[in-house]
Amino acid sequence: MLLDVGVLAGRDSSSGRRARGRAWPRRGPPILFVHGEADDFTPPEMTRRLHAAYGGPKALYIAPGAGHGDLFWSNPAEYDRQVGAFLAACGVSGGREATNFTD
C-alpha cells in the first residue's frame, strides 16, 4: 500500500497546502518509511523527520547509494529483505525475518 505522505503530514492532497486542523497522527497503521540515501531531489532528512514524528508502529529503511525513485533497483535483494521483514513484523504471510518497530 502506498500512502500519500503529504496527507499524513497534514497537507491537502489536491493543492499541497497545509490543511487546517489536521495533525500528524499520534497512532495509526504500521508504516515503512523508505528513502534513497543519494536522493538529490527529496532530501533523506525529510523522511527521517517524518519517521521520527509518526506515533504509530514504524520502521525506517534508508537505502545506501539509492537515488530518487531507484530504491528497488539499487539493491533488489536488500529492498526485498527490508519489505519482507516489515510485512512479517506486521503479521502478513509471506513476509520474512521479523524486525522490531520503533515507537
N, C-alpha and C. Protein backbone atom coordinates (compact mmCIF):
# COMPACT_ATOMS: atom_id res chain seq x y z
N MET A 1 0.85 -1.16 0.00
CA MET A 1 0.00 0.00 0.00
C MET A 1 0.90 1.24 0.00
N LEU A 2 0.63 2.15 -0.88
CA LEU A 2 1.35 3.41 -0.91
C LEU A 2 0.47 4.46 -0.26
N LEU A 3 1.07 5.28 0.57
CA LEU A 3 0.34 6.33 1.26
C LEU A 3 0.78 7.68 0.76
N ASP A 4 -0.15 8.60 0.70
CA ASP A 4 0.17 9.98 0.35
C ASP A 4 0.76 10.63 1.59
N VAL A 5 2.08 10.73 1.63
CA VAL A 5 2.76 11.25 2.81
C VAL A 5 2.34 12.69 3.07
N GLY A 6 2.03 13.44 2.03
CA GLY A 6 1.56 14.81 2.22
C GLY A 6 0.29 14.86 3.04
N VAL A 7 -0.63 13.94 2.77
CA VAL A 7 -1.87 13.89 3.55
C VAL A 7 -1.56 13.51 4.99
N LEU A 8 -0.69 12.53 5.18
CA LEU A 8 -0.32 12.14 6.53
C LEU A 8 0.34 13.29 7.28
N ALA A 9 1.07 14.13 6.56
CA ALA A 9 1.76 15.25 7.20
C ALA A 9 0.86 16.47 7.33
N GLY A 10 -0.43 16.33 6.98
CA GLY A 10 -1.36 17.43 7.16
C GLY A 10 -1.47 18.36 5.97
N ARG A 11 -1.18 17.86 4.78
CA ARG A 11 -1.30 18.67 3.57
C ARG A 11 -2.49 18.21 2.75
N ASP A 12 -3.16 19.14 2.12
CA ASP A 12 -4.27 18.82 1.24
C ASP A 12 -3.70 18.14 0.00
N SER A 13 -4.23 16.97 -0.38
CA SER A 13 -3.65 16.22 -1.48
C SER A 13 -3.84 16.88 -2.84
N SER A 14 -4.83 17.74 -2.99
CA SER A 14 -5.05 18.38 -4.29
C SER A 14 -4.24 19.65 -4.46
N SER A 15 -4.07 20.43 -3.40
CA SER A 15 -3.36 21.70 -3.54
C SER A 15 -1.96 21.67 -2.97
N GLY A 16 -1.67 20.74 -2.08
CA GLY A 16 -0.38 20.69 -1.43
C GLY A 16 -0.24 21.67 -0.28
N ARG A 17 -1.29 22.49 -0.07
CA ARG A 17 -1.25 23.46 1.03
C ARG A 17 -1.48 22.77 2.36
N ARG A 18 -0.99 23.40 3.38
CA ARG A 18 -1.19 22.88 4.74
C ARG A 18 -2.68 22.85 5.04
N ALA A 19 -3.19 21.72 5.47
CA ALA A 19 -4.60 21.58 5.79
C ALA A 19 -4.84 22.06 7.22
N ARG A 20 -5.83 22.87 7.39
CA ARG A 20 -6.15 23.39 8.71
C ARG A 20 -6.78 22.30 9.57
N GLY A 21 -6.39 22.29 10.84
CA GLY A 21 -6.98 21.36 11.78
C GLY A 21 -6.50 19.93 11.65
N ARG A 22 -5.54 19.68 10.77
CA ARG A 22 -5.04 18.33 10.62
C ARG A 22 -3.65 18.25 11.25
N ALA A 23 -3.40 17.20 11.93
CA ALA A 23 -2.09 16.99 12.53
C ALA A 23 -1.62 15.58 12.21
N TRP A 24 -0.35 15.39 12.33
CA TRP A 24 0.24 14.07 12.12
C TRP A 24 -0.40 13.11 13.12
N PRO A 25 -0.82 11.92 12.67
CA PRO A 25 -1.50 11.00 13.59
C PRO A 25 -0.60 10.56 14.75
N ARG A 26 -1.17 10.52 15.92
CA ARG A 26 -0.43 10.03 17.10
C ARG A 26 -0.30 8.51 17.05
N ARG A 27 -1.32 7.87 16.54
CA ARG A 27 -1.31 6.42 16.35
C ARG A 27 -1.91 6.16 14.98
N GLY A 28 -1.51 5.10 14.38
CA GLY A 28 -2.05 4.77 13.08
C GLY A 28 -1.53 3.43 12.62
N PRO A 29 -1.70 3.14 11.35
CA PRO A 29 -1.25 1.85 10.82
C PRO A 29 0.27 1.79 10.76
N PRO A 30 0.82 0.59 10.71
CA PRO A 30 2.27 0.47 10.55
C PRO A 30 2.72 1.09 9.22
N ILE A 31 3.82 1.83 9.27
CA ILE A 31 4.35 2.46 8.06
C ILE A 31 5.84 2.14 7.95
N LEU A 32 6.25 1.67 6.78
CA LEU A 32 7.66 1.51 6.46
C LEU A 32 8.07 2.75 5.67
N PHE A 33 8.90 3.56 6.26
CA PHE A 33 9.42 4.75 5.60
C PHE A 33 10.68 4.33 4.85
N VAL A 34 10.71 4.58 3.55
CA VAL A 34 11.87 4.23 2.73
C VAL A 34 12.34 5.46 1.96
N HIS A 35 13.65 5.55 1.81
CA HIS A 35 14.22 6.69 1.09
C HIS A 35 15.60 6.30 0.59
N GLY A 36 16.00 6.89 -0.52
CA GLY A 36 17.34 6.68 -1.05
C GLY A 36 18.34 7.63 -0.41
N GLU A 37 19.44 7.08 0.04
CA GLU A 37 20.49 7.87 0.68
C GLU A 37 21.06 8.94 -0.25
N ALA A 38 21.11 8.64 -1.55
CA ALA A 38 21.69 9.56 -2.52
C ALA A 38 20.62 10.33 -3.30
N ASP A 39 19.42 10.42 -2.75
CA ASP A 39 18.33 11.15 -3.41
C ASP A 39 18.70 12.63 -3.49
N ASP A 40 18.80 13.15 -4.71
CA ASP A 40 19.15 14.57 -4.87
C ASP A 40 17.93 15.43 -5.21
N PHE A 41 16.74 14.83 -5.14
CA PHE A 41 15.50 15.56 -5.40
C PHE A 41 14.77 15.87 -4.09
N THR A 42 14.60 14.85 -3.27
CA THR A 42 13.97 14.99 -1.96
C THR A 42 14.98 14.56 -0.92
N PRO A 43 15.40 15.44 -0.04
CA PRO A 43 16.44 15.09 0.94
C PRO A 43 16.00 13.95 1.87
N PRO A 44 16.88 12.98 2.11
CA PRO A 44 16.56 11.89 3.03
C PRO A 44 16.15 12.38 4.42
N GLU A 45 16.65 13.54 4.82
CA GLU A 45 16.31 14.09 6.13
C GLU A 45 14.81 14.30 6.28
N MET A 46 14.11 14.57 5.19
CA MET A 46 12.66 14.75 5.25
C MET A 46 11.99 13.45 5.72
N THR A 47 12.43 12.33 5.21
CA THR A 47 11.87 11.04 5.61
C THR A 47 12.26 10.71 7.04
N ARG A 48 13.48 11.05 7.41
CA ARG A 48 13.88 10.82 8.81
C ARG A 48 13.00 11.62 9.76
N ARG A 49 12.67 12.86 9.41
CA ARG A 49 11.82 13.69 10.27
C ARG A 49 10.39 13.13 10.33
N LEU A 50 9.86 12.69 9.18
CA LEU A 50 8.52 12.09 9.18
C LEU A 50 8.50 10.84 10.06
N HIS A 51 9.53 10.01 9.92
CA HIS A 51 9.63 8.79 10.72
C HIS A 51 9.67 9.14 12.21
N ALA A 52 10.47 10.11 12.57
CA ALA A 52 10.60 10.50 13.98
C ALA A 52 9.28 11.04 14.53
N ALA A 53 8.52 11.73 13.71
CA ALA A 53 7.29 12.37 14.17
C ALA A 53 6.10 11.41 14.23
N TYR A 54 6.15 10.34 13.48
CA TYR A 54 5.00 9.45 13.41
C TYR A 54 4.85 8.67 14.71
N GLY A 55 3.63 8.61 15.24
CA GLY A 55 3.38 7.97 16.52
C GLY A 55 2.99 6.52 16.45
N GLY A 56 2.71 6.01 15.27
CA GLY A 56 2.30 4.62 15.13
C GLY A 56 3.50 3.70 14.98
N PRO A 57 3.23 2.40 14.81
CA PRO A 57 4.31 1.45 14.56
C PRO A 57 5.02 1.82 13.27
N LYS A 58 6.34 1.76 13.29
CA LYS A 58 7.08 2.24 12.13
C LYS A 58 8.43 1.57 12.01
N ALA A 59 8.97 1.64 10.82
CA ALA A 59 10.33 1.20 10.54
C ALA A 59 10.89 2.16 9.51
N LEU A 60 12.21 2.27 9.47
CA LEU A 60 12.88 3.19 8.55
C LEU A 60 13.95 2.44 7.80
N TYR A 61 13.94 2.58 6.48
CA TYR A 61 14.99 2.00 5.64
C TYR A 61 15.52 3.10 4.73
N ILE A 62 16.77 3.50 4.95
CA ILE A 62 17.45 4.44 4.07
C ILE A 62 18.37 3.57 3.21
N ALA A 63 18.05 3.49 1.92
CA ALA A 63 18.78 2.60 1.00
C ALA A 63 20.12 3.21 0.63
N PRO A 64 21.22 2.55 1.01
CA PRO A 64 22.55 3.08 0.70
C PRO A 64 22.76 3.23 -0.80
N GLY A 65 23.22 4.40 -1.21
CA GLY A 65 23.55 4.65 -2.61
C GLY A 65 22.36 4.85 -3.54
N ALA A 66 21.15 4.69 -3.06
CA ALA A 66 19.96 4.81 -3.92
C ALA A 66 19.59 6.28 -4.12
N GLY A 67 19.22 6.60 -5.35
CA GLY A 67 18.77 7.94 -5.67
C GLY A 67 17.25 8.02 -5.62
N HIS A 68 16.72 9.07 -6.20
CA HIS A 68 15.28 9.29 -6.21
C HIS A 68 14.61 8.32 -7.17
N GLY A 69 13.75 7.46 -6.64
CA GLY A 69 12.99 6.54 -7.48
C GLY A 69 13.70 5.25 -7.84
N ASP A 70 14.89 5.01 -7.32
CA ASP A 70 15.55 3.74 -7.67
C ASP A 70 15.90 2.91 -6.43
N LEU A 71 15.03 2.99 -5.44
CA LEU A 71 15.26 2.23 -4.20
C LEU A 71 15.37 0.74 -4.48
N PHE A 72 14.46 0.23 -5.28
CA PHE A 72 14.48 -1.20 -5.59
C PHE A 72 15.69 -1.56 -6.45
N TRP A 73 15.92 -0.81 -7.49
CA TRP A 73 16.95 -1.17 -8.47
C TRP A 73 18.37 -1.00 -7.95
N SER A 74 18.56 -0.20 -6.91
CA SER A 74 19.91 -0.02 -6.38
C SER A 74 20.40 -1.29 -5.67
N ASN A 75 19.49 -2.05 -5.09
CA ASN A 75 19.84 -3.30 -4.41
C ASN A 75 18.56 -4.11 -4.20
N PRO A 76 18.09 -4.81 -5.26
CA PRO A 76 16.81 -5.53 -5.17
C PRO A 76 16.73 -6.53 -4.02
N ALA A 77 17.81 -7.25 -3.75
CA ALA A 77 17.77 -8.26 -2.68
C ALA A 77 17.57 -7.61 -1.31
N GLU A 78 18.26 -6.51 -1.06
CA GLU A 78 18.13 -5.84 0.24
C GLU A 78 16.77 -5.16 0.37
N TYR A 79 16.29 -4.56 -0.72
CA TYR A 79 14.96 -3.95 -0.70
C TYR A 79 13.91 -5.01 -0.38
N ASP A 80 14.00 -6.15 -1.05
CA ASP A 80 13.06 -7.24 -0.82
C ASP A 80 13.14 -7.73 0.63
N ARG A 81 14.36 -7.81 1.17
CA ARG A 81 14.53 -8.25 2.55
C ARG A 81 13.90 -7.25 3.52
N GLN A 82 14.11 -5.95 3.29
CA GLN A 82 13.56 -4.93 4.18
C GLN A 82 12.02 -4.94 4.16
N VAL A 83 11.46 -5.00 2.96
CA VAL A 83 9.99 -5.01 2.84
C VAL A 83 9.43 -6.31 3.42
N GLY A 84 10.08 -7.43 3.14
CA GLY A 84 9.63 -8.71 3.67
C GLY A 84 9.66 -8.74 5.19
N ALA A 85 10.72 -8.19 5.78
CA ALA A 85 10.82 -8.13 7.24
C ALA A 85 9.73 -7.26 7.83
N PHE A 86 9.45 -6.16 7.18
CA PHE A 86 8.39 -5.27 7.65
C PHE A 86 7.03 -5.97 7.59
N LEU A 87 6.76 -6.63 6.47
CA LEU A 87 5.49 -7.35 6.34
C LEU A 87 5.37 -8.47 7.36
N ALA A 88 6.47 -9.17 7.60
CA ALA A 88 6.45 -10.23 8.61
C ALA A 88 6.15 -9.66 9.99
N ALA A 89 6.75 -8.52 10.30
CA ALA A 89 6.51 -7.88 11.59
C ALA A 89 5.06 -7.43 11.72
N CYS A 90 4.43 -7.17 10.58
CA CYS A 90 3.02 -6.77 10.57
C CYS A 90 2.09 -7.98 10.58
N GLY A 91 2.66 -9.18 10.52
CA GLY A 91 1.85 -10.39 10.53
C GLY A 91 1.31 -10.78 9.18
N VAL A 92 1.88 -10.22 8.12
CA VAL A 92 1.44 -10.55 6.76
C VAL A 92 2.17 -11.81 6.31
N SER A 93 1.41 -12.83 5.91
CA SER A 93 2.04 -14.08 5.49
C SER A 93 2.88 -13.83 4.25
N GLY A 94 3.95 -14.57 4.16
CA GLY A 94 4.88 -14.39 3.05
C GLY A 94 6.02 -13.46 3.41
N GLY A 95 5.87 -12.71 4.50
CA GLY A 95 6.96 -11.85 4.96
C GLY A 95 8.06 -12.71 5.56
N ARG A 96 9.26 -12.16 5.59
CA ARG A 96 10.41 -12.88 6.13
C ARG A 96 10.98 -12.11 7.31
N GLU A 97 11.86 -12.73 8.04
CA GLU A 97 12.60 -12.12 9.14
C GLU A 97 11.87 -11.00 9.86
N ALA A 98 11.57 -11.21 11.09
CA ALA A 98 10.89 -10.17 11.87
C ALA A 98 11.83 -9.00 12.13
N THR A 99 11.28 -7.84 12.24
CA THR A 99 12.02 -6.64 12.61
C THR A 99 11.36 -6.03 13.82
N ASN A 100 12.05 -5.19 14.51
CA ASN A 100 11.46 -4.51 15.66
C ASN A 100 10.98 -3.14 15.23
N PHE A 101 9.73 -2.81 15.57
CA PHE A 101 9.23 -1.49 15.32
C PHE A 101 9.80 -0.55 16.36
N THR A 102 9.97 0.69 15.98
CA THR A 102 10.34 1.71 16.96
C THR A 102 9.08 2.48 17.27
N ASP A 103 8.87 2.80 18.49
CA ASP A 103 7.67 3.56 18.89
C ASP A 103 8.01 4.99 19.17
